[in-house]
Amino acid sequence: MPDDDQERQPLPPYLRIAADVREQIASGRLAPGALVPSITRLSQEYEVSRNTAVKALQVLAREGLTYRVAGWGTFVAERD
């Protein structure tokens, strides 16, 4: 059983960003085909490095929630 202190630790920034974008997708604020905020915008909004924002978007892509189009950006994937 996890220790109570471990359960209360905040999420790493990249997981917090991924959770926020995931919630926007689930709620419909970001519809299928919509452009996800850019790496630059996420890094500025969350005050994190670009690498952290990239890692957050990679998490969402691995989950099948987003896909990247080179030169265009990251988009919300169609729902099944």
C-alpha atoms as a PDB file:
ATOM      1  CA  MET A   1       0.000   0.000   0.000  1.00  0.00           C
ATOM      2  CA  PRO A   2       1.440   3.433  -0.958  1.00  0.00           C
ATOM      3  CA  ASP A   3       2.532   5.792   1.739  1.00  0.00           C
ATOM      4  CA  ASP A   4       0.194   8.819   2.221  1.00  0.00           C
ATOM      5  CA  ASP A   5       3.040  11.241   1.451  1.00  0.00           C
ATOM      6  CA  GLN A   6       3.567   9.596  -1.949  1.00  0.00           C
ATOM      7  CA  GLU A   7      -0.113   9.972  -2.831  1.00  0.00           C
ATOM      8  CA  ARG A   8      -0.038  13.715  -2.082  1.00  0.00           C
ATOM      9  CA  GLN A   9       3.016  14.540  -4.175  1.00  0.00           C
ATOM     10  CA  PRO A  10       2.182  16.816  -7.095  1.00  0.00           C
ATOM     11  CA  LEU A  11       2.404  15.492 -10.625  1.00  0.00           C
ATOM     12  CA  PRO A  12       5.542  16.268 -12.619  1.00  0.00           C
ATOM     13  CA  PRO A  13       4.909  19.294 -14.863  1.00  0.00           C
ATOM     14  CA  TYR A  14       4.703  17.278 -18.091  1.00  0.00           C
ATOM     15  CA  LEU A  15       2.024  15.021 -16.595  1.00  0.00           C
ATOM     16  CA  ARG A  16       0.097  18.044 -15.282  1.00  0.00           C
ATOM     17  CA  ILE A  17       0.104  19.582 -18.774  1.00  0.00           C
ATOM     18  CA  ALA A  18      -0.936  16.267 -20.338  1.00  0.00           C
ATOM     19  CA  ALA A  19      -3.753  15.924 -17.775  1.00  0.00           C
ATOM     20  CA  ASP A  20      -5.022  19.440 -18.517  1.00  0.00           C
ATOM     21  CA  VAL A  21      -5.020  18.897 -22.293  1.00  0.00           C
ATOM     22  CA  ARG A  22      -6.569  15.425 -21.808  1.00  0.00           C
ATOM     23  CA  GLU A  23      -9.389  17.046 -19.804  1.00  0.00           C
ATOM     24  CA  GLN A  24      -9.935  19.640 -22.550  1.00  0.00           C
ATOM     25  CA  ILE A  25     -10.232  16.812 -25.084  1.00  0.00           C
ATOM     26  CA  ALA A  26     -12.591  14.777 -22.870  1.00  0.00           C
ATOM     27  CA  SER A  27     -14.827  17.797 -22.216  1.00  0.00           C
ATOM     28  CA  GLY A  28     -15.040  18.683 -25.902  1.00  0.00           C
ATOM     29  CA  ARG A  29     -13.262  22.040 -25.563  1.00  0.00           C
ATOM     30  CA  LEU A  30     -10.709  20.540 -27.954  1.00  0.00           C
ATOM     31  CA  ALA A  31     -12.737  18.658 -30.553  1.00  0.00           C
ATOM     32  CA  PRO A  32     -11.414  15.975 -32.895  1.00  0.00           C
ATOM     33  CA  GLY A  33      -9.293  17.637 -35.563  1.00  0.00           C
ATOM     34  CA  ALA A  34      -8.685  20.732 -33.428  1.00  0.00           C
ATOM     35  CA  LEU A  35      -5.200  22.166 -33.173  1.00  0.00           C
ATOM     36  CA  VAL A  36      -3.662  21.555 -29.745  1.00  0.00           C
ATOM     37  CA  PRO A  37      -1.797  24.521 -28.203  1.00  0.00           C
ATOM     38  CA  SER A  38       1.737  24.747 -29.562  1.00  0.00           C
ATOM     39  CA  ILE A  39       4.878  23.728 -27.713  1.00  0.00           C
ATOM     40  CA  THR A  40       5.779  27.401 -27.375  1.00  0.00           C
ATOM     41  CA  ARG A  41       2.366  28.318 -26.004  1.00  0.00           C
ATOM     42  CA  LEU A  42       2.323  25.424 -23.524  1.00  0.00           C
ATOM     43  CA  SER A  43       5.851  26.210 -22.322  1.00  0.00           C
ATOM     44  CA  GLN A  44       4.919  29.864 -21.767  1.00  0.00           C
ATOM     45  CA  GLU A  45       1.523  29.165 -20.202  1.00  0.00           C
ATOM     46  CA  TYR A  46       2.872  26.585 -17.750  1.00  0.00           C
ATOM     47  CA  GLU A  47       6.259  28.310 -17.315  1.00  0.00           C
ATOM     48  CA  VAL A  48       8.211  25.190 -18.256  1.00  0.00           C
ATOM     49  CA  SER A  49      10.926  24.380 -20.770  1.00  0.00           C
ATOM     50  CA  ARG A  50      10.039  23.488 -24.343  1.00  0.00           C
ATOM     51  CA  ASN A  51      11.335  19.966 -23.632  1.00  0.00           C
ATOM     52  CA  THR A  52       8.738  19.582 -20.876  1.00  0.00           C
ATOM     53  CA  ALA A  53       5.954  20.692 -23.240  1.00  0.00           C
ATOM     54  CA  VAL A  54       7.223  18.263 -25.904  1.00  0.00           C
ATOM     55  CA  LYS A  55       7.181  15.436 -23.361  1.00  0.00           C
ATOM     56  CA  ALA A  56       3.569  16.269 -22.422  1.00  0.00           C
ATOM     57  CA  LEU A  57       2.491  16.118 -26.071  1.00  0.00           C
ATOM     58  CA  GLN A  58       4.352  12.829 -26.516  1.00  0.00           C
ATOM     59  CA  VAL A  59       2.346  11.334 -23.638  1.00  0.00           C
ATOM     60  CA  LEU A  60      -0.912  12.317 -25.353  1.00  0.00           C
ATOM     61  CA  ALA A  61       0.268  10.933 -28.693  1.00  0.00           C
ATOM     62  CA  ARG A  62       1.221   7.598 -27.101  1.00  0.00           C
ATOM     63  CA  GLU A  63      -2.282   7.452 -25.604  1.00  0.00           C
ATOM     64  CA  GLY A  64      -3.723   7.939 -29.090  1.00  0.00           C
ATOM     65  CA  LEU A  65      -5.375  11.246 -28.170  1.00  0.00           C
ATOM     66  CA  THR A  66      -3.319  13.417 -30.510  1.00  0.00           C
ATOM     67  CA  TYR A  67      -1.208  13.184 -33.638  1.00  0.00           C
ATOM     68  CA  ARG A  68       1.474  15.441 -35.076  1.00  0.00           C
ATOM     69  CA  VAL A  69       1.657  16.809 -38.605  1.00  0.00           C
ATOM     70  CA  ALA A  70       5.142  18.073 -39.462  1.00  0.00           C
ATOM     71  CA  GLY A  71       5.085  21.787 -40.180  1.00  0.00           C
ATOM     72  CA  TRP A  72       1.505  22.188 -38.950  1.00  0.00           C
ATOM     73  CA  GLY A  73       1.319  21.157 -35.307  1.00  0.00           C
ATOM     74  CA  THR A  74      -0.427  18.682 -33.044  1.00  0.00           C
ATOM     75  CA  PHE A  75      -4.089  17.828 -33.543  1.00  0.00           C
ATOM     76  CA  VAL A  76      -6.763  16.005 -31.546  1.00  0.00           C
ATOM     77  CA  ALA A  77      -7.294  12.494 -32.899  1.00  0.00           C
ATOM     78  CA  GLU A  78     -10.714  11.267 -33.978  1.00  0.00           C
ATOM     79  CA  ARG A  79     -12.564   9.350 -31.287  1.00  0.00           C
ATOM     80  CA  ASP A  80     -13.450   5.717 -31.841  1.00  0.00           C
END
